[in-house]
Amino acid sequence: MLRNRNFLVGLGTGMIAGALLLQVMIVGEQSQRALTLPAEQTSEVEETYTQAQLDEMVSTARAEGAAAAAQAAASEGSSSPAPQSTSKPSPKPSPKPSSKPETTPAADVVPDKPVIVRIIPNSDLTGIAKLLHSNGVLRDQAAFIKEMEQSGKLVRAGYFELKPGLSTSEVMKVITSTPLDPDKAKQRLAKS
């Protein structure tokens, strides 16, 4: 009789512990789902560019292409004449605007106006640094990545309100803390 009783108590305790663990797992999944976009929107999330940024990228690509063609023609030297192009001759390559483009803030960002960024779950540090730089929050992507790796802190997924011009340590403090409620973040985005 005592043997059966101990067995039933153990079985009941195991069932209760299993039910509690299942509930914790379900709550975790629901909170993760609340931070992610619906399935039809996740495939559409891509980096967007302003017209000025696109024009700069096109002119840079043209300049690099012209420089590569000039190098190829110079390396062939006198062994054969340079091929003639049927299209317009390309202008001389203009110098690159900066040797470190990641140290300049985005052109369309209004200074001192807070921006709300969404960090997608499972994003890597490089993607997060690009996102923050494109929104004018970071000036130096490499320094941010280096400091994050040295600190060992984990970036939280979700919405964060940041001001352009914050120091790297201030940005780290914000994105490793609790994110904004998604509904509040969407309301703030709608206001701006």
C-alpha atoms as a PDB file:
ATOM      1  CA  MET A   1       0.000   0.000   0.000  1.00  0.00           C
ATOM      2  CA  LEU A   2       2.766   2.462   0.926  1.00  0.00           C
ATOM      3  CA  ARG A   3       4.642   1.557  -2.237  1.00  0.00           C
ATOM      4  CA  ASN A   4       1.649   2.412  -4.428  1.00  0.00           C
ATOM      5  CA  ARG A   5       1.152   5.694  -2.605  1.00  0.00           C
ATOM      6  CA  ASN A   6       4.751   6.840  -3.194  1.00  0.00           C
ATOM      7  CA  PHE A   7       4.433   5.932  -6.855  1.00  0.00           C
ATOM      8  CA  LEU A   8       1.223   7.947  -7.260  1.00  0.00           C
ATOM      9  CA  VAL A   9       2.681  10.981  -5.446  1.00  0.00           C
ATOM     10  CA  GLY A  10       5.747  10.895  -7.711  1.00  0.00           C
ATOM     11  CA  LEU A  11       3.610  10.514 -10.812  1.00  0.00           C
ATOM     12  CA  GLY A  12       1.373  13.433  -9.796  1.00  0.00           C
ATOM     13  CA  THR A  13       4.357  15.656  -9.001  1.00  0.00           C
ATOM     14  CA  GLY A  14       5.926  14.854 -12.366  1.00  0.00           C
ATOM     15  CA  MET A  15       2.719  15.700 -14.200  1.00  0.00           C
ATOM     16  CA  ILE A  16       2.416  19.042 -12.400  1.00  0.00           C
ATOM     17  CA  ALA A  17       6.061  19.917 -13.148  1.00  0.00           C
ATOM     18  CA  GLY A  18       5.572  18.989 -16.811  1.00  0.00           C
ATOM     19  CA  ALA A  19       2.440  21.145 -17.060  1.00  0.00           C
ATOM     20  CA  LEU A  20       4.283  24.127 -15.548  1.00  0.00           C
ATOM     21  CA  LEU A  21       7.190  23.754 -17.964  1.00  0.00           C
ATOM     22  CA  LEU A  22       4.766  23.548 -20.878  1.00  0.00           C
ATOM     23  CA  GLN A  23       3.080  26.788 -19.766  1.00  0.00           C
ATOM     24  CA  VAL A  24       6.441  28.567 -19.493  1.00  0.00           C
ATOM     25  CA  MET A  25       7.343  27.401 -22.996  1.00  0.00           C
ATOM     26  CA  ILE A  26       4.013  28.610 -24.441  1.00  0.00           C
ATOM     27  CA  VAL A  27       4.375  32.048 -22.801  1.00  0.00           C
ATOM     28  CA  GLY A  28       7.899  32.354 -24.202  1.00  0.00           C
ATOM     29  CA  GLU A  29       6.742  31.538 -27.720  1.00  0.00           C
ATOM     30  CA  GLN A  30       3.899  34.058 -27.500  1.00  0.00           C
ATOM     31  CA  SER A  31       6.214  36.852 -26.359  1.00  0.00           C
ATOM     32  CA  GLN A  32       8.673  36.010 -29.159  1.00  0.00           C
ATOM     33  CA  ARG A  33       5.857  36.072 -31.709  1.00  0.00           C
ATOM     34  CA  ALA A  34       4.736  39.490 -30.430  1.00  0.00           C
ATOM     35  CA  LEU A  35       8.178  40.920 -31.245  1.00  0.00           C
ATOM     36  CA  THR A  36       8.315  39.569 -34.790  1.00  0.00           C
ATOM     37  CA  LEU A  37       6.479  40.683 -37.901  1.00  0.00           C
ATOM     38  CA  PRO A  38       3.742  38.591 -39.494  1.00  0.00           C
ATOM     39  CA  ALA A  39       5.026  36.033 -42.008  1.00  0.00           C
ATOM     40  CA  GLU A  40       3.925  37.998 -45.085  1.00  0.00           C
ATOM     41  CA  GLN A  41       5.854  41.076 -43.912  1.00  0.00           C
ATOM     42  CA  THR A  42       9.124  39.371 -42.963  1.00  0.00           C
ATOM     43  CA  SER A  43      10.003  38.554 -46.570  1.00  0.00           C
ATOM     44  CA  GLU A  44       9.495  42.202 -47.542  1.00  0.00           C
ATOM     45  CA  VAL A  45      11.856  43.691 -44.928  1.00  0.00           C
ATOM     46  CA  GLU A  46      14.797  45.138 -46.815  1.00  0.00           C
ATOM     47  CA  GLU A  47      17.034  48.103 -46.362  1.00  0.00           C
ATOM     48  CA  THR A  48      15.634  51.258 -47.935  1.00  0.00           C
ATOM     49  CA  TYR A  49      17.691  54.044 -49.461  1.00  0.00           C
ATOM     50  CA  THR A  50      17.023  57.692 -50.204  1.00  0.00           C
ATOM     51  CA  GLN A  51      17.431  59.008 -53.736  1.00  0.00           C
ATOM     52  CA  ALA A  52      20.640  60.801 -52.738  1.00  0.00           C
ATOM     53  CA  GLN A  53      22.108  57.558 -51.377  1.00  0.00           C
ATOM     54  CA  LEU A  54      21.182  55.696 -54.577  1.00  0.00           C
ATOM     55  CA  ASP A  55      22.720  58.406 -56.765  1.00  0.00           C
ATOM     56  CA  GLU A  56      25.912  58.279 -54.705  1.00  0.00           C
ATOM     57  CA  MET A  57      26.102  54.463 -54.987  1.00  0.00           C
ATOM     58  CA  VAL A  58      25.549  54.612 -58.778  1.00  0.00           C
ATOM     59  CA  SER A  59      28.227  57.265 -59.264  1.00  0.00           C
ATOM     60  CA  THR A  60      30.648  55.313 -57.046  1.00  0.00           C
ATOM     61  CA  ALA A  61      30.016  52.116 -59.024  1.00  0.00           C
ATOM     62  CA  ARG A  62      30.532  53.952 -62.305  1.00  0.00           C
ATOM     63  CA  ALA A  63      33.766  55.492 -61.022  1.00  0.00           C
ATOM     64  CA  GLU A  64      35.039  52.107 -59.827  1.00  0.00           C
ATOM     65  CA  GLY A  65      34.138  50.524 -63.168  1.00  0.00           C
ATOM     66  CA  ALA A  66      35.936  53.262 -65.080  1.00  0.00           C
ATOM     67  CA  ALA A  67      38.979  52.928 -62.815  1.00  0.00           C
ATOM     68  CA  ALA A  68      39.055  49.148 -63.338  1.00  0.00           C
ATOM     69  CA  ALA A  69      38.808  49.595 -67.113  1.00  0.00           C
ATOM     70  CA  ALA A  70      41.626  52.157 -67.036  1.00  0.00           C
ATOM     71  CA  GLN A  71      43.796  49.775 -64.990  1.00  0.00           C
ATOM     72  CA  ALA A  72      43.098  46.926 -67.396  1.00  0.00           C
ATOM     73  CA  ALA A  73      44.010  49.116 -70.356  1.00  0.00           C
ATOM     74  CA  ALA A  74      47.173  50.302 -68.616  1.00  0.00           C
ATOM     75  CA  SER A  75      48.221  46.749 -67.726  1.00  0.00           C
ATOM     76  CA  GLU A  76      47.892  45.669 -71.368  1.00  0.00           C
ATOM     77  CA  GLY A  77      50.234  48.545 -72.192  1.00  0.00           C
ATOM     78  CA  SER A  78      51.641  48.741 -75.694  1.00  0.00           C
ATOM     79  CA  SER A  79      50.954  45.101 -76.566  1.00  0.00           C
ATOM     80  CA  SER A  80      47.491  45.964 -77.870  1.00  0.00           C
ATOM     81  CA  PRO A  81      45.515  49.168 -78.216  1.00  0.00           C
ATOM     82  CA  ALA A  82      42.763  49.854 -75.666  1.00  0.00           C
ATOM     83  CA  PRO A  83      39.331  48.763 -76.888  1.00  0.00           C
ATOM     84  CA  GLN A  84      37.094  51.581 -78.037  1.00  0.00           C
ATOM     85  CA  SER A  85      33.700  51.866 -76.412  1.00  0.00           C
ATOM     86  CA  THR A  86      30.611  52.455 -78.534  1.00  0.00           C
ATOM     87  CA  SER A  87      28.864  54.324 -75.738  1.00  0.00           C
ATOM     88  CA  LYS A  88      29.727  57.746 -74.345  1.00  0.00           C
ATOM     89  CA  PRO A  89      33.195  57.999 -72.884  1.00  0.00           C
ATOM     90  CA  SER A  90      32.989  57.866 -69.119  1.00  0.00           C
ATOM     91  CA  PRO A  91      34.238  60.883 -67.195  1.00  0.00           C
ATOM     92  CA  LYS A  92      37.367  60.630 -65.123  1.00  0.00           C
ATOM     93  CA  PRO A  93      36.656  58.809 -61.892  1.00  0.00           C
ATOM     94  CA  SER A  94      35.860  61.189 -59.110  1.00  0.00           C
ATOM     95  CA  PRO A  95      37.545  60.606 -55.777  1.00  0.00           C
ATOM     96  CA  LYS A  96      35.516  58.740 -53.223  1.00  0.00           C
ATOM     97  CA  PRO A  97      33.672  61.050 -50.838  1.00  0.00           C
ATOM     98  CA  SER A  98      35.414  59.604 -47.810  1.00  0.00           C
ATOM     99  CA  SER A  99      37.760  56.806 -46.982  1.00  0.00           C
ATOM    100  CA  LYS A 100      35.402  55.720 -44.173  1.00  0.00           C
ATOM    101  CA  PRO A 101      31.781  56.143 -45.258  1.00  0.00           C
ATOM    102  CA  GLU A 102      30.485  54.599 -42.039  1.00  0.00           C
ATOM    103  CA  THR A 103      31.699  57.548 -39.962  1.00  0.00           C
ATOM    104  CA  THR A 104      29.265  60.026 -41.528  1.00  0.00           C
ATOM    105  CA  PRO A 105      25.603  60.043 -40.508  1.00  0.00           C
ATOM    106  CA  ALA A 106      22.842  59.411 -43.026  1.00  0.00           C
ATOM    107  CA  ALA A 107      21.903  62.485 -45.053  1.00  0.00           C
ATOM    108  CA  ASP A 108      18.142  62.364 -44.429  1.00  0.00           C
ATOM    109  CA  VAL A 109      18.280  62.117 -40.620  1.00  0.00           C
ATOM    110  CA  VAL A 110      17.083  65.126 -38.653  1.00  0.00           C
ATOM    111  CA  PRO A 111      19.531  65.857 -35.809  1.00  0.00           C
ATOM    112  CA  ASP A 112      18.205  65.666 -32.215  1.00  0.00           C
ATOM    113  CA  LYS A 113      14.960  64.033 -33.374  1.00  0.00           C
ATOM    114  CA  PRO A 114      14.556  60.614 -31.739  1.00  0.00           C
ATOM    115  CA  VAL A 115      14.277  57.669 -34.105  1.00  0.00           C
ATOM    116  CA  ILE A 116      12.638  54.337 -33.426  1.00  0.00           C
ATOM    117  CA  VAL A 117      14.487  51.326 -34.786  1.00  0.00           C
ATOM    118  CA  ARG A 118      13.371  47.720 -34.815  1.00  0.00           C
ATOM    119  CA  ILE A 119      15.987  45.065 -34.209  1.00  0.00           C
ATOM    120  CA  ILE A 120      14.845  41.787 -35.692  1.00  0.00           C
ATOM    121  CA  PRO A 121      15.440  38.604 -33.635  1.00  0.00           C
ATOM    122  CA  ASN A 122      18.636  36.721 -34.502  1.00  0.00           C
ATOM    123  CA  SER A 123      20.234  39.792 -36.150  1.00  0.00           C
ATOM    124  CA  ASP A 124      24.023  39.845 -36.210  1.00  0.00           C
ATOM    125  CA  LEU A 125      26.102  42.779 -34.951  1.00  0.00           C
ATOM    126  CA  THR A 126      27.037  43.888 -38.463  1.00  0.00           C
ATOM    127  CA  GLY A 127      23.395  44.143 -39.510  1.00  0.00           C
ATOM    128  CA  ILE A 128      22.499  46.006 -36.323  1.00  0.00           C
ATOM    129  CA  ALA A 129      25.415  48.411 -36.828  1.00  0.00           C
ATOM    130  CA  LYS A 130      24.284  49.096 -40.421  1.00  0.00           C
ATOM    131  CA  LEU A 131      20.710  49.678 -39.244  1.00  0.00           C
ATOM    132  CA  LEU A 132      21.782  52.102 -36.524  1.00  0.00           C
ATOM    133  CA  HIS A 133      24.162  53.915 -38.893  1.00  0.00           C
ATOM    134  CA  SER A 134      21.534  54.278 -41.620  1.00  0.00           C
ATOM    135  CA  ASN A 135      19.221  55.870 -39.046  1.00  0.00           C
ATOM    136  CA  GLY A 136      21.932  58.325 -37.985  1.00  0.00           C
ATOM    137  CA  VAL A 137      22.382  56.884 -34.505  1.00  0.00           C
ATOM    138  CA  LEU A 138      25.933  55.515 -34.968  1.00  0.00           C
ATOM    139  CA  ARG A 139      28.901  57.319 -36.452  1.00  0.00           C
ATOM    140  CA  ASP A 140      31.388  54.423 -36.411  1.00  0.00           C
ATOM    141  CA  GLN A 141      30.087  50.918 -37.100  1.00  0.00           C
ATOM    142  CA  ALA A 142      33.420  49.181 -36.489  1.00  0.00           C
ATOM    143  CA  ALA A 143      33.843  50.762 -33.040  1.00  0.00           C
ATOM    144  CA  PHE A 144      30.311  49.703 -32.097  1.00  0.00           C
ATOM    145  CA  ILE A 145      30.905  46.097 -33.162  1.00  0.00           C
ATOM    146  CA  LYS A 146      34.238  45.978 -31.323  1.00  0.00           C
ATOM    147  CA  GLU A 147      32.766  47.366 -28.080  1.00  0.00           C
ATOM    148  CA  MET A 148      29.775  45.016 -28.229  1.00  0.00           C
ATOM    149  CA  GLU A 149      32.038  41.982 -28.719  1.00  0.00           C
ATOM    150  CA  GLN A 150      34.308  43.068 -25.859  1.00  0.00           C
ATOM    151  CA  SER A 151      31.405  43.698 -23.482  1.00  0.00           C
ATOM    152  CA  GLY A 152      29.829  40.303 -24.135  1.00  0.00           C
ATOM    153  CA  LYS A 153      26.348  41.812 -23.729  1.00  0.00           C
ATOM    154  CA  LEU A 154      23.476  40.525 -25.840  1.00  0.00           C
ATOM    155  CA  VAL A 155      21.335  42.798 -27.985  1.00  0.00           C
ATOM    156  CA  ARG A 156      17.622  42.545 -27.305  1.00  0.00           C
ATOM    157  CA  ALA A 157      15.180  42.173 -30.186  1.00  0.00           C
ATOM    158  CA  GLY A 158      12.404  44.725 -30.429  1.00  0.00           C
ATOM    159  CA  TYR A 159      11.761  48.442 -30.851  1.00  0.00           C
ATOM    160  CA  PHE A 160      14.144  51.022 -29.371  1.00  0.00           C
ATOM    161  CA  GLU A 161      13.974  54.812 -29.277  1.00  0.00           C
ATOM    162  CA  LEU A 162      17.382  56.390 -29.870  1.00  0.00           C
ATOM    163  CA  LYS A 163      18.629  59.909 -30.491  1.00  0.00           C
ATOM    164  CA  PRO A 164      21.184  60.626 -33.204  1.00  0.00           C
ATOM    165  CA  GLY A 165      24.615  61.498 -31.847  1.00  0.00           C
ATOM    166  CA  LEU A 166      24.563  59.203 -28.807  1.00  0.00           C
ATOM    167  CA  SER A 167      27.885  57.717 -27.783  1.00  0.00           C
ATOM    168  CA  THR A 168      28.554  54.067 -28.509  1.00  0.00           C
ATOM    169  CA  SER A 169      28.237  53.149 -24.829  1.00  0.00           C
ATOM    170  CA  GLU A 170      24.872  54.941 -24.579  1.00  0.00           C
ATOM    171  CA  VAL A 171      23.588  53.100 -27.652  1.00  0.00           C
ATOM    172  CA  MET A 172      24.805  49.810 -26.147  1.00  0.00           C
ATOM    173  CA  LYS A 173      22.983  50.559 -22.891  1.00  0.00           C
ATOM    174  CA  VAL A 174      19.697  51.199 -24.727  1.00  0.00           C
ATOM    175  CA  ILE A 175      19.737  48.189 -27.067  1.00  0.00           C
ATOM    176  CA  THR A 176      20.711  45.764 -24.297  1.00  0.00           C
ATOM    177  CA  SER A 177      17.869  46.971 -22.062  1.00  0.00           C
ATOM    178  CA  THR A 178      14.156  46.211 -22.270  1.00  0.00           C
ATOM    179  CA  PRO A 179      12.663  47.200 -25.663  1.00  0.00           C
ATOM    180  CA  LEU A 180       9.608  49.404 -26.126  1.00  0.00           C
ATOM    181  CA  ASP A 181       6.178  47.836 -26.227  1.00  0.00           C
ATOM    182  CA  PRO A 182       5.423  47.166 -29.935  1.00  0.00           C
ATOM    183  CA  ASP A 183       2.079  48.986 -29.782  1.00  0.00           C
ATOM    184  CA  LYS A 184       3.640  52.081 -28.178  1.00  0.00           C
ATOM    185  CA  ALA A 185       6.453  52.045 -30.719  1.00  0.00           C
ATOM    186  CA  LYS A 186       3.983  51.904 -33.621  1.00  0.00           C
ATOM    187  CA  GLN A 187       2.009  54.808 -32.107  1.00  0.00           C
ATOM    188  CA  ARG A 188       5.188  56.892 -31.806  1.00  0.00           C
ATOM    189  CA  LEU A 189       6.105  56.045 -35.391  1.00  0.00           C
ATOM    190  CA  ALA A 190       2.655  57.125 -36.544  1.00  0.00           C
ATOM    191  CA  LYS A 191       3.039  60.493 -34.750  1.00  0.00           C
ATOM    192  CA  SER A 192       6.328  61.292 -36.475  1.00  0.00           C
END
